[in-house]
Structures are given as structure tokens and as C-alpha cells.
N, C-alpha and C. Protein backbone atom coordinates (compact mmCIF):
# COMPACT_ATOMS: atom_id res chain seq x y z
N MET A 1 51.43 -176.25 -65.84
CA MET A 1 52.30 -176.90 -64.88
C MET A 1 52.01 -176.33 -63.50
N VAL A 2 51.92 -177.19 -62.50
CA VAL A 2 51.64 -176.77 -61.13
C VAL A 2 52.84 -177.12 -60.26
N HIS A 3 53.36 -176.14 -59.55
CA HIS A 3 54.43 -176.36 -58.59
C HIS A 3 53.83 -176.25 -57.20
N THR A 4 54.31 -177.05 -56.26
CA THR A 4 53.79 -177.03 -54.89
C THR A 4 54.89 -176.64 -53.93
N LEU A 5 54.61 -175.66 -53.07
CA LEU A 5 55.53 -175.28 -52.02
C LEU A 5 55.08 -175.94 -50.73
N ARG A 6 55.99 -176.52 -50.00
CA ARG A 6 55.66 -177.17 -48.73
C ARG A 6 56.18 -176.29 -47.60
N LEU A 7 55.29 -175.99 -46.65
CA LEU A 7 55.69 -175.19 -45.51
C LEU A 7 56.33 -176.09 -44.46
N ALA A 8 57.13 -175.49 -43.60
CA ALA A 8 57.80 -176.25 -42.55
C ALA A 8 56.78 -176.94 -41.66
N LEU A 9 57.13 -178.12 -41.14
CA LEU A 9 56.21 -178.92 -40.33
C LEU A 9 55.63 -178.17 -39.15
N PRO A 10 56.40 -177.40 -38.37
CA PRO A 10 55.78 -176.72 -37.22
C PRO A 10 54.65 -175.77 -37.64
N PHE A 11 54.80 -175.07 -38.77
CA PHE A 11 53.75 -174.17 -39.22
C PHE A 11 52.54 -174.96 -39.67
N ALA A 12 52.77 -176.06 -40.39
CA ALA A 12 51.65 -176.90 -40.84
C ALA A 12 50.90 -177.48 -39.64
N LEU A 13 51.61 -177.89 -38.61
CA LEU A 13 50.97 -178.42 -37.41
C LEU A 13 50.17 -177.32 -36.71
N LEU A 14 50.70 -176.11 -36.67
CA LEU A 14 49.99 -174.98 -36.08
C LEU A 14 48.69 -174.73 -36.82
N LEU A 15 48.73 -174.75 -38.14
CA LEU A 15 47.51 -174.56 -38.92
C LEU A 15 46.50 -175.66 -38.64
N ALA A 16 46.97 -176.89 -38.58
CA ALA A 16 46.07 -178.02 -38.36
C ALA A 16 45.39 -177.92 -36.99
N THR A 17 46.12 -177.53 -35.98
CA THR A 17 45.52 -177.46 -34.65
C THR A 17 44.66 -176.22 -34.48
N SER A 18 44.90 -175.18 -35.27
CA SER A 18 44.08 -173.97 -35.15
C SER A 18 42.70 -174.16 -35.75
N CYS A 19 42.50 -175.22 -36.55
CA CYS A 19 41.20 -175.47 -37.18
C CYS A 19 40.23 -176.13 -36.21
N GLY A 20 40.65 -176.46 -35.04
CA GLY A 20 39.75 -177.12 -34.10
C GLY A 20 40.52 -178.08 -33.24
N ARG A 21 40.55 -179.33 -33.68
CA ARG A 21 41.21 -180.37 -32.90
C ARG A 21 42.54 -180.73 -33.55
N PRO A 22 43.45 -181.32 -32.77
CA PRO A 22 44.72 -181.78 -33.36
C PRO A 22 44.46 -182.80 -34.47
N PRO A 23 45.38 -182.90 -35.45
CA PRO A 23 45.15 -183.79 -36.59
C PRO A 23 44.82 -185.22 -36.20
N ALA A 24 45.42 -185.74 -35.14
CA ALA A 24 45.17 -187.13 -34.76
C ALA A 24 43.74 -187.34 -34.29
N LEU A 25 43.07 -186.28 -33.84
CA LEU A 25 41.71 -186.40 -33.32
C LEU A 25 40.65 -185.98 -34.32
N ARG A 26 41.05 -185.35 -35.40
CA ARG A 26 40.09 -184.83 -36.37
C ARG A 26 39.68 -185.92 -37.34
N ASP A 27 38.40 -186.03 -37.61
CA ASP A 27 37.90 -186.96 -38.62
C ASP A 27 37.02 -186.18 -39.58
N PRO A 28 37.54 -185.82 -40.75
CA PRO A 28 36.77 -184.99 -41.68
C PRO A 28 35.67 -185.76 -42.40
N TYR A 29 35.57 -187.05 -42.18
CA TYR A 29 34.59 -187.87 -42.89
C TYR A 29 33.31 -187.93 -42.08
N ASP A 30 32.28 -187.33 -42.59
CA ASP A 30 31.01 -187.32 -41.88
C ASP A 30 30.01 -188.23 -42.58
N GLU A 31 30.49 -189.36 -43.05
CA GLU A 31 29.65 -190.37 -43.68
C GLU A 31 28.94 -189.88 -44.93
N THR A 32 29.62 -189.05 -45.72
CA THR A 32 29.08 -188.66 -47.02
C THR A 32 29.49 -189.75 -48.00
N PRO A 33 28.54 -190.47 -48.55
CA PRO A 33 28.89 -191.56 -49.46
C PRO A 33 29.58 -191.04 -50.72
N TYR A 34 30.69 -191.66 -51.05
CA TYR A 34 31.47 -191.28 -52.24
C TYR A 34 30.60 -191.39 -53.49
N ALA A 35 29.88 -192.51 -53.63
CA ALA A 35 29.05 -192.71 -54.81
C ALA A 35 28.00 -191.61 -54.95
N MET A 36 27.48 -191.14 -53.82
CA MET A 36 26.49 -190.06 -53.87
C MET A 36 27.11 -188.80 -54.46
N LEU A 37 28.27 -188.41 -53.95
CA LEU A 37 28.89 -187.17 -54.41
C LEU A 37 29.22 -187.22 -55.90
N VAL A 38 29.80 -188.31 -56.36
CA VAL A 38 30.22 -188.36 -57.76
C VAL A 38 29.09 -188.63 -58.74
N HIS A 39 27.94 -189.11 -58.26
CA HIS A 39 26.83 -189.40 -59.18
C HIS A 39 25.69 -188.39 -59.11
N LEU A 40 25.74 -187.46 -58.17
CA LEU A 40 24.71 -186.41 -58.14
C LEU A 40 24.86 -185.50 -59.35
N GLU A 41 23.73 -185.07 -59.85
CA GLU A 41 23.73 -184.08 -60.94
C GLU A 41 23.53 -182.70 -60.34
N GLN A 42 23.94 -181.69 -61.07
CA GLN A 42 23.68 -180.32 -60.67
C GLN A 42 22.18 -180.12 -60.62
N ALA A 43 21.71 -179.28 -59.74
CA ALA A 43 20.27 -179.09 -59.54
C ALA A 43 19.58 -178.57 -60.80
N ASP A 44 20.25 -177.74 -61.57
CA ASP A 44 19.59 -177.08 -62.70
C ASP A 44 19.94 -177.66 -64.07
N ARG A 45 20.73 -178.73 -64.11
CA ARG A 45 21.07 -179.34 -65.41
C ARG A 45 21.51 -180.78 -65.21
N ALA A 46 21.52 -181.53 -66.30
CA ALA A 46 21.91 -182.94 -66.25
C ALA A 46 23.42 -183.06 -66.48
N ALA A 47 24.18 -182.50 -65.55
CA ALA A 47 25.65 -182.57 -65.60
C ALA A 47 26.13 -182.91 -64.20
N PRO A 48 27.23 -183.65 -64.09
CA PRO A 48 27.70 -184.05 -62.76
C PRO A 48 27.98 -182.86 -61.84
N LEU A 49 27.62 -183.02 -60.59
CA LEU A 49 27.89 -181.99 -59.59
C LEU A 49 29.38 -181.72 -59.48
N VAL A 50 30.20 -182.77 -59.62
CA VAL A 50 31.64 -182.62 -59.46
C VAL A 50 32.37 -182.39 -60.79
N ALA A 51 31.64 -181.96 -61.82
CA ALA A 51 32.29 -181.62 -63.09
C ALA A 51 33.24 -180.45 -62.87
N ALA A 52 34.40 -180.51 -63.51
CA ALA A 52 35.42 -179.48 -63.33
C ALA A 52 34.87 -178.08 -63.60
N GLU A 53 34.06 -177.94 -64.64
CA GLU A 53 33.50 -176.62 -64.98
C GLU A 53 32.63 -176.10 -63.85
N HIS A 54 31.94 -176.99 -63.15
CA HIS A 54 31.07 -176.59 -62.06
C HIS A 54 31.89 -176.27 -60.81
N LEU A 55 32.89 -177.08 -60.52
CA LEU A 55 33.70 -176.87 -59.32
C LEU A 55 34.50 -175.57 -59.37
N THR A 56 34.87 -175.12 -60.57
CA THR A 56 35.60 -173.85 -60.67
C THR A 56 34.71 -172.68 -60.26
N ARG A 57 33.42 -172.85 -60.34
CA ARG A 57 32.49 -171.80 -59.89
C ARG A 57 32.69 -171.50 -58.40
N TYR A 58 33.14 -172.51 -57.65
CA TYR A 58 33.36 -172.35 -56.21
C TYR A 58 34.85 -172.19 -55.89
N ARG A 59 35.62 -171.91 -56.90
CA ARG A 59 37.06 -171.66 -56.78
C ARG A 59 37.83 -172.85 -56.19
N SER A 60 37.37 -174.06 -56.48
CA SER A 60 38.09 -175.26 -56.06
C SER A 60 39.37 -175.39 -56.86
N LEU A 61 40.40 -175.94 -56.25
CA LEU A 61 41.65 -176.21 -56.96
C LEU A 61 41.54 -177.60 -57.57
N LEU A 62 41.52 -177.66 -58.88
CA LEU A 62 41.28 -178.91 -59.59
C LEU A 62 42.52 -179.79 -59.61
N ARG A 63 42.28 -181.10 -59.69
CA ARG A 63 43.36 -182.08 -59.83
C ARG A 63 43.01 -183.00 -60.97
N HIS A 64 44.03 -183.64 -61.52
CA HIS A 64 43.83 -184.63 -62.58
C HIS A 64 43.41 -185.96 -61.97
N ALA A 65 42.76 -186.78 -62.77
CA ALA A 65 42.40 -188.12 -62.32
C ALA A 65 43.67 -188.95 -62.15
N THR A 66 43.70 -189.73 -61.09
CA THR A 66 44.81 -190.64 -60.80
C THR A 66 44.21 -191.96 -60.33
N PRO A 67 45.01 -193.00 -60.17
CA PRO A 67 44.46 -194.25 -59.64
C PRO A 67 43.82 -194.08 -58.26
N HIS A 68 44.34 -193.16 -57.45
CA HIS A 68 43.77 -192.93 -56.12
C HIS A 68 42.67 -191.87 -56.12
N ASN A 69 42.52 -191.17 -57.22
CA ASN A 69 41.50 -190.13 -57.35
C ASN A 69 40.88 -190.24 -58.75
N PRO A 70 40.19 -191.34 -59.03
CA PRO A 70 39.71 -191.59 -60.40
C PRO A 70 38.68 -190.58 -60.90
N ASP A 71 38.01 -189.89 -60.00
CA ASP A 71 37.00 -188.92 -60.42
C ASP A 71 37.52 -187.49 -60.39
N ALA A 72 38.83 -187.33 -60.22
CA ALA A 72 39.49 -186.02 -60.25
C ALA A 72 38.85 -185.02 -59.30
N LEU A 73 38.59 -185.46 -58.07
CA LEU A 73 38.05 -184.55 -57.07
C LEU A 73 39.09 -183.49 -56.74
N PRO A 74 38.65 -182.29 -56.35
CA PRO A 74 39.59 -181.20 -56.12
C PRO A 74 40.47 -181.40 -54.88
N VAL A 75 41.44 -180.53 -54.74
CA VAL A 75 42.34 -180.54 -53.59
C VAL A 75 41.51 -180.48 -52.32
N GLY A 76 41.83 -181.34 -51.36
CA GLY A 76 41.15 -181.34 -50.08
C GLY A 76 39.98 -182.30 -49.98
N PHE A 77 39.55 -182.86 -51.10
CA PHE A 77 38.49 -183.88 -51.09
C PHE A 77 39.20 -185.22 -51.07
N ASP A 78 38.87 -186.05 -50.11
CA ASP A 78 39.61 -187.28 -49.93
C ASP A 78 38.66 -188.44 -49.70
N ARG A 79 38.99 -189.57 -50.27
CA ARG A 79 38.14 -190.76 -50.14
C ARG A 79 38.75 -191.72 -49.13
N ARG A 80 37.90 -192.22 -48.26
CA ARG A 80 38.29 -193.29 -47.34
C ARG A 80 37.21 -194.35 -47.43
N GLY A 81 37.55 -195.47 -48.07
CA GLY A 81 36.57 -196.52 -48.26
C GLY A 81 35.43 -196.04 -49.14
N ASP A 82 34.21 -196.14 -48.63
CA ASP A 82 33.03 -195.73 -49.39
C ASP A 82 32.59 -194.31 -49.06
N ASP A 83 33.37 -193.60 -48.26
CA ASP A 83 33.02 -192.23 -47.86
C ASP A 83 33.98 -191.22 -48.46
N VAL A 84 33.52 -189.99 -48.53
CA VAL A 84 34.37 -188.89 -48.97
C VAL A 84 34.24 -187.78 -47.94
N GLY A 85 35.33 -187.09 -47.71
CA GLY A 85 35.32 -186.01 -46.75
C GLY A 85 36.33 -184.95 -47.13
N LEU A 86 36.39 -183.94 -46.32
CA LEU A 86 37.33 -182.85 -46.56
C LEU A 86 38.50 -182.95 -45.60
N THR A 87 39.66 -182.63 -46.11
CA THR A 87 40.84 -182.54 -45.28
C THR A 87 41.18 -181.07 -45.10
N CYS A 88 42.19 -180.79 -44.30
CA CYS A 88 42.63 -179.41 -44.07
C CYS A 88 43.01 -178.73 -45.37
N ALA A 89 43.48 -179.50 -46.35
CA ALA A 89 43.94 -178.93 -47.62
C ALA A 89 42.82 -178.19 -48.37
N ALA A 90 41.57 -178.55 -48.14
CA ALA A 90 40.47 -177.87 -48.83
C ALA A 90 40.47 -176.38 -48.52
N CYS A 91 40.79 -176.02 -47.30
CA CYS A 91 40.78 -174.62 -46.87
C CYS A 91 42.18 -174.03 -46.73
N HIS A 92 43.19 -174.89 -46.76
CA HIS A 92 44.55 -174.41 -46.49
C HIS A 92 45.54 -174.76 -47.60
N THR A 93 45.09 -174.66 -48.85
CA THR A 93 45.98 -174.78 -50.00
C THR A 93 45.63 -173.64 -50.95
N GLY A 94 46.59 -172.80 -51.19
CA GLY A 94 46.38 -171.66 -52.08
C GLY A 94 47.05 -171.89 -53.42
N GLN A 95 46.74 -171.05 -54.37
CA GLN A 95 47.37 -171.16 -55.69
C GLN A 95 47.55 -169.77 -56.25
N ILE A 96 48.73 -169.53 -56.78
CA ILE A 96 49.04 -168.28 -57.46
C ILE A 96 49.33 -168.63 -58.91
N ASN A 97 48.67 -167.93 -59.83
CA ASN A 97 48.90 -168.14 -61.26
C ASN A 97 49.66 -166.94 -61.80
N TYR A 98 50.78 -167.20 -62.46
CA TYR A 98 51.60 -166.12 -63.00
C TYR A 98 52.20 -166.55 -64.32
N GLN A 99 51.90 -165.82 -65.36
CA GLN A 99 52.43 -166.04 -66.69
C GLN A 99 52.33 -167.51 -67.11
N GLY A 100 51.15 -168.10 -66.92
CA GLY A 100 50.89 -169.45 -67.37
C GLY A 100 51.39 -170.55 -66.45
N THR A 101 51.96 -170.17 -65.33
CA THR A 101 52.44 -171.17 -64.37
C THR A 101 51.64 -171.03 -63.08
N ALA A 102 51.16 -172.18 -62.58
CA ALA A 102 50.42 -172.20 -61.32
C ALA A 102 51.34 -172.69 -60.23
N VAL A 103 51.35 -171.98 -59.11
CA VAL A 103 52.15 -172.38 -57.96
C VAL A 103 51.18 -172.62 -56.81
N ARG A 104 51.12 -173.86 -56.34
CA ARG A 104 50.27 -174.21 -55.20
C ARG A 104 51.07 -174.09 -53.93
N ILE A 105 50.44 -173.54 -52.90
CA ILE A 105 51.12 -173.30 -51.64
C ILE A 105 50.37 -174.03 -50.54
N ASP A 106 50.97 -175.12 -50.05
CA ASP A 106 50.36 -175.87 -48.95
C ASP A 106 50.41 -175.01 -47.70
N GLY A 107 49.30 -174.90 -47.00
CA GLY A 107 49.22 -174.12 -45.77
C GLY A 107 48.71 -172.71 -45.99
N ALA A 108 48.63 -172.27 -47.23
CA ALA A 108 48.12 -170.93 -47.52
C ALA A 108 46.60 -170.94 -47.49
N PRO A 109 45.97 -169.78 -47.33
CA PRO A 109 44.50 -169.76 -47.35
C PRO A 109 43.98 -170.08 -48.76
N ALA A 110 42.92 -170.86 -48.79
CA ALA A 110 42.28 -171.19 -50.06
C ALA A 110 41.23 -170.13 -50.38
N MET A 111 40.86 -170.04 -51.61
CA MET A 111 39.82 -169.10 -52.03
C MET A 111 38.48 -169.80 -52.23
N ILE A 112 38.38 -171.07 -51.81
CA ILE A 112 37.18 -171.88 -52.06
C ILE A 112 35.95 -171.29 -51.34
N ASP A 113 34.84 -171.34 -52.02
CA ASP A 113 33.56 -170.91 -51.46
C ASP A 113 32.84 -172.15 -50.94
N MET A 114 33.18 -172.57 -49.73
CA MET A 114 32.61 -173.78 -49.15
C MET A 114 31.11 -173.65 -48.94
N ILE A 115 30.65 -172.50 -48.49
CA ILE A 115 29.22 -172.31 -48.24
C ILE A 115 28.44 -172.47 -49.55
N GLY A 116 28.94 -171.88 -50.61
CA GLY A 116 28.29 -172.03 -51.91
C GLY A 116 28.31 -173.45 -52.40
N PHE A 117 29.44 -174.15 -52.22
CA PHE A 117 29.53 -175.54 -52.67
C PHE A 117 28.58 -176.43 -51.87
N PHE A 118 28.58 -176.28 -50.53
CA PHE A 118 27.67 -177.10 -49.73
C PHE A 118 26.22 -176.80 -50.08
N GLY A 119 25.91 -175.55 -50.34
CA GLY A 119 24.55 -175.20 -50.79
C GLY A 119 24.20 -175.89 -52.09
N ALA A 120 25.18 -175.98 -53.01
CA ALA A 120 24.94 -176.67 -54.29
C ALA A 120 24.70 -178.16 -54.07
N VAL A 121 25.45 -178.76 -53.14
CA VAL A 121 25.25 -180.18 -52.84
C VAL A 121 23.84 -180.40 -52.31
N TRP A 122 23.44 -179.61 -51.32
CA TRP A 122 22.12 -179.78 -50.72
C TRP A 122 21.00 -179.49 -51.70
N THR A 123 21.18 -178.49 -52.56
CA THR A 123 20.18 -178.18 -53.57
C THR A 123 20.08 -179.32 -54.59
N SER A 124 21.22 -179.92 -54.94
CA SER A 124 21.21 -181.06 -55.86
C SER A 124 20.51 -182.27 -55.24
N ILE A 125 20.74 -182.49 -53.94
CA ILE A 125 20.04 -183.59 -53.26
C ILE A 125 18.53 -183.35 -53.31
N ALA A 126 18.11 -182.14 -52.99
CA ALA A 126 16.68 -181.82 -52.99
C ALA A 126 16.09 -181.98 -54.39
N ALA A 127 16.81 -181.51 -55.41
CA ALA A 127 16.31 -181.63 -56.79
C ALA A 127 16.21 -183.09 -57.21
N THR A 128 17.17 -183.90 -56.78
CA THR A 128 17.15 -185.33 -57.12
C THR A 128 15.98 -186.03 -56.45
N LEU A 129 15.73 -185.69 -55.20
CA LEU A 129 14.60 -186.30 -54.49
C LEU A 129 13.26 -185.87 -55.07
N ALA A 130 13.18 -184.66 -55.59
CA ALA A 130 11.91 -184.11 -56.08
C ALA A 130 11.61 -184.46 -57.53
N ASP A 131 12.60 -184.92 -58.29
CA ASP A 131 12.43 -185.11 -59.72
C ASP A 131 12.78 -186.54 -60.12
N GLU A 132 11.79 -187.31 -60.54
CA GLU A 132 12.02 -188.70 -60.95
C GLU A 132 13.01 -188.79 -62.11
N ALA A 133 13.01 -187.78 -62.99
CA ALA A 133 13.94 -187.78 -64.13
C ALA A 133 15.38 -187.64 -63.67
N LYS A 134 15.62 -187.01 -62.53
CA LYS A 134 16.96 -186.92 -61.95
C LYS A 134 17.27 -188.15 -61.10
N LEU A 135 16.26 -188.67 -60.44
CA LEU A 135 16.47 -189.80 -59.53
C LEU A 135 16.82 -191.07 -60.29
N ALA A 136 16.18 -191.33 -61.42
CA ALA A 136 16.38 -192.58 -62.17
C ALA A 136 17.84 -192.80 -62.57
N PRO A 137 18.52 -191.82 -63.19
CA PRO A 137 19.93 -192.06 -63.54
C PRO A 137 20.83 -192.17 -62.31
N TYR A 138 20.46 -191.47 -61.24
CA TYR A 138 21.22 -191.57 -60.00
C TYR A 138 21.14 -193.00 -59.45
N VAL A 139 19.94 -193.55 -59.40
CA VAL A 139 19.74 -194.91 -58.91
C VAL A 139 20.51 -195.90 -59.79
N ALA A 140 20.45 -195.71 -61.11
CA ALA A 140 21.16 -196.61 -62.03
C ALA A 140 22.67 -196.54 -61.81
N ALA A 141 23.20 -195.35 -61.56
CA ALA A 141 24.64 -195.17 -61.37
C ALA A 141 25.11 -195.72 -60.03
N VAL A 142 24.33 -195.48 -58.99
CA VAL A 142 24.73 -195.92 -57.65
C VAL A 142 24.59 -197.43 -57.51
N GLY A 143 23.64 -198.00 -58.22
CA GLY A 143 23.47 -199.45 -58.19
C GLY A 143 22.86 -199.94 -56.90
N GLY A 144 23.29 -201.08 -56.48
CA GLY A 144 22.74 -201.71 -55.29
C GLY A 144 22.12 -203.03 -55.63
N ARG A 145 21.55 -203.64 -54.62
CA ARG A 145 20.94 -204.96 -54.79
C ARG A 145 19.43 -204.87 -54.72
N GLY A 146 18.79 -205.86 -55.30
CA GLY A 146 17.35 -205.93 -55.23
C GLY A 146 16.68 -205.40 -56.47
N ALA A 147 15.36 -205.41 -56.41
CA ALA A 147 14.55 -204.91 -57.52
C ALA A 147 14.71 -203.39 -57.62
N GLU A 148 14.29 -202.86 -58.75
CA GLU A 148 14.43 -201.42 -58.98
C GLU A 148 13.73 -200.61 -57.90
N ALA A 149 12.56 -201.03 -57.46
CA ALA A 149 11.82 -200.31 -56.43
C ALA A 149 12.61 -200.29 -55.11
N GLU A 150 13.28 -201.39 -54.78
CA GLU A 150 14.09 -201.44 -53.56
C GLU A 150 15.31 -200.53 -53.67
N ARG A 151 15.96 -200.54 -54.85
CA ARG A 151 17.12 -199.67 -55.05
C ARG A 151 16.72 -198.21 -55.00
N THR A 152 15.57 -197.89 -55.59
CA THR A 152 15.08 -196.50 -55.56
C THR A 152 14.77 -196.06 -54.14
N ALA A 153 14.12 -196.92 -53.37
CA ALA A 153 13.81 -196.58 -51.97
C ALA A 153 15.09 -196.40 -51.16
N ALA A 154 16.08 -197.27 -51.40
CA ALA A 154 17.36 -197.15 -50.68
C ALA A 154 18.08 -195.86 -51.06
N ALA A 155 18.05 -195.50 -52.35
CA ALA A 155 18.70 -194.26 -52.79
C ALA A 155 18.00 -193.04 -52.18
N ARG A 156 16.67 -193.05 -52.17
CA ARG A 156 15.92 -191.95 -51.55
C ARG A 156 16.28 -191.82 -50.07
N ALA A 157 16.33 -192.93 -49.37
CA ALA A 157 16.64 -192.90 -47.93
C ALA A 157 18.05 -192.37 -47.70
N SER A 158 18.99 -192.80 -48.53
CA SER A 158 20.37 -192.34 -48.40
C SER A 158 20.48 -190.83 -48.65
N LEU A 159 19.83 -190.37 -49.71
CA LEU A 159 19.86 -188.93 -50.01
C LEU A 159 19.18 -188.13 -48.91
N ALA A 160 18.02 -188.57 -48.46
CA ALA A 160 17.29 -187.86 -47.41
C ALA A 160 18.09 -187.84 -46.12
N GLY A 161 18.80 -188.93 -45.83
CA GLY A 161 19.61 -189.00 -44.61
C GLY A 161 20.84 -188.13 -44.67
N THR A 162 21.25 -187.73 -45.86
CA THR A 162 22.43 -186.89 -46.01
C THR A 162 22.06 -185.42 -45.90
N GLY A 163 20.82 -185.10 -45.88
CA GLY A 163 20.41 -183.71 -45.74
C GLY A 163 19.12 -183.41 -46.47
N GLY A 164 18.91 -184.09 -47.55
CA GLY A 164 17.66 -183.94 -48.28
C GLY A 164 17.37 -182.52 -48.73
N GLY A 165 18.41 -181.71 -48.83
CA GLY A 165 18.23 -180.34 -49.29
C GLY A 165 17.73 -179.41 -48.21
N SER A 166 17.58 -179.90 -46.98
CA SER A 166 17.03 -179.06 -45.92
C SER A 166 17.94 -177.89 -45.56
N ARG A 167 19.22 -177.98 -45.92
CA ARG A 167 20.15 -176.91 -45.57
C ARG A 167 20.52 -176.07 -46.79
N ALA A 168 19.78 -176.23 -47.88
CA ALA A 168 20.10 -175.47 -49.08
C ALA A 168 20.00 -173.98 -48.79
N THR A 169 20.85 -173.24 -49.44
CA THR A 169 20.90 -171.81 -49.17
C THR A 169 20.71 -171.03 -50.46
N SER A 170 20.11 -169.88 -50.35
CA SER A 170 19.99 -169.01 -51.51
C SER A 170 21.09 -167.95 -51.49
N ARG A 171 21.99 -168.05 -50.53
CA ARG A 171 23.09 -167.09 -50.41
C ARG A 171 23.97 -167.16 -51.65
N PRO A 172 24.28 -166.01 -52.25
CA PRO A 172 25.17 -166.03 -53.41
C PRO A 172 26.58 -166.41 -52.99
N ASN A 173 27.38 -166.79 -53.99
CA ASN A 173 28.76 -167.14 -53.69
C ASN A 173 29.41 -166.02 -52.89
N GLY A 174 29.98 -166.39 -51.76
CA GLY A 174 30.54 -165.41 -50.86
C GLY A 174 32.02 -165.21 -51.04
N ARG A 175 32.53 -164.22 -50.33
CA ARG A 175 33.95 -163.97 -50.33
C ARG A 175 34.64 -165.05 -49.51
N PRO A 176 35.85 -165.39 -49.85
CA PRO A 176 36.56 -166.41 -49.08
C PRO A 176 36.89 -165.91 -47.69
N ARG A 177 36.99 -166.84 -46.78
CA ARG A 177 37.37 -166.50 -45.42
C ARG A 177 38.86 -166.24 -45.39
N ARG A 178 39.28 -165.22 -44.69
CA ARG A 178 40.70 -164.90 -44.66
C ARG A 178 41.35 -165.20 -43.33
N ARG A 179 40.56 -165.30 -42.29
CA ARG A 179 41.10 -165.58 -40.96
C ARG A 179 40.34 -166.72 -40.34
N ALA A 180 40.98 -167.47 -39.48
CA ALA A 180 40.32 -168.58 -38.81
C ALA A 180 39.16 -168.10 -37.95
N SER A 181 39.17 -166.82 -37.56
CA SER A 181 38.11 -166.28 -36.73
C SER A 181 36.81 -166.11 -37.51
N GLY A 182 36.88 -166.20 -38.85
CA GLY A 182 35.69 -166.03 -39.66
C GLY A 182 35.53 -164.62 -40.19
N ASP A 183 36.42 -163.72 -39.83
CA ASP A 183 36.37 -162.34 -40.30
C ASP A 183 36.81 -162.31 -41.75
N SER A 184 35.96 -161.87 -42.65
CA SER A 184 36.32 -161.88 -44.07
C SER A 184 36.66 -160.48 -44.58
N THR A 185 36.91 -159.58 -43.68
CA THR A 185 37.24 -158.23 -44.15
C THR A 185 38.72 -158.03 -44.30
């Protein structure tokens, strides 16, 4: 069972504005295609990148599938149309587990390893582009119009345009950030 604590609005607004821009001006969607995120496989195995077992490696707070979240993306991952992006909740929702009960705290620091997760996404993109055995099921899942060669070329272009693995990192999973300044000590 998960209980959620809601912080007072002024504190939540303070957190939102301390992340950069005021909430009304922030757009967390950087044109990451939803279909790409949910159909990518992990770089080292034929399992979905967004599988719950994999996401716990990055300390993501898991959610159940719902009509608005059919792929059970974690807290802070949000879909708008055909895109997916991060909201403030990805970094500002904490969870305390005590005697079998989980308490989620909106506005608290998250323990998510964003750098590790983004590295996994970019590494998965690179692995998909480099391996026809990974690319074929991705193209089949994403679909599209035209002949198979056209769909494959479109999928390659979409993946390459999203980063193509160029930002992949070999950095091990890091400690969570504790302050907005980036100081993790």
C-alpha cells in the first residue's frame, strides 16, 4: 500500500520555481517519442528498457498501469500526445518504506539516478542502431507506413535524431542529488 503526503502549495511552488523556470514556462517534453521509450530494449538483453525490474536499478518509483499510464511508467514520467517527458515529480517525489508500508512524499527529494537512466536510454539507442536483431522487433513494434525498408529507415532516423547513443556514459550509477545546487555530499 502506498500513501501520498501532499505539501502545502507555497512550498510546492517554491520547489517548482527553484528547478529553473516557473511551472507555466517549463516544458519537460523534449520530443522524446513515447513509442520509442516503451519499445526500446535494454542494450544487453532482449527485455524492455522500461521493465519494472530494470527501472528499479535506477531507483525509480514504480506505478501500476492505469488507463492514462498503460505502460506503468514511473513517477514523473508523463505522456503528452505522442511524446513522453519528465515532470518535477521525477526528482521531487520521495518514498519511505516502513514495516511493509510505503509512504510517498510529494516535494521530497527523489533517490532516482537520472544520469544512469539517461545513459541506459542512450546506450539502448546505440545498441538498437548497431544490431539488426534488436532493430527488427523495434521496427515491428513501432509500426508506421510503407514498405519494411521505409519503416526501418524511418525508425533509424528517429533513433539517430534522439541521440543515437552519442551521449552514452560509462559512469556507474551515482549517488542521488541532495541539493538543487548539485552538491551530493
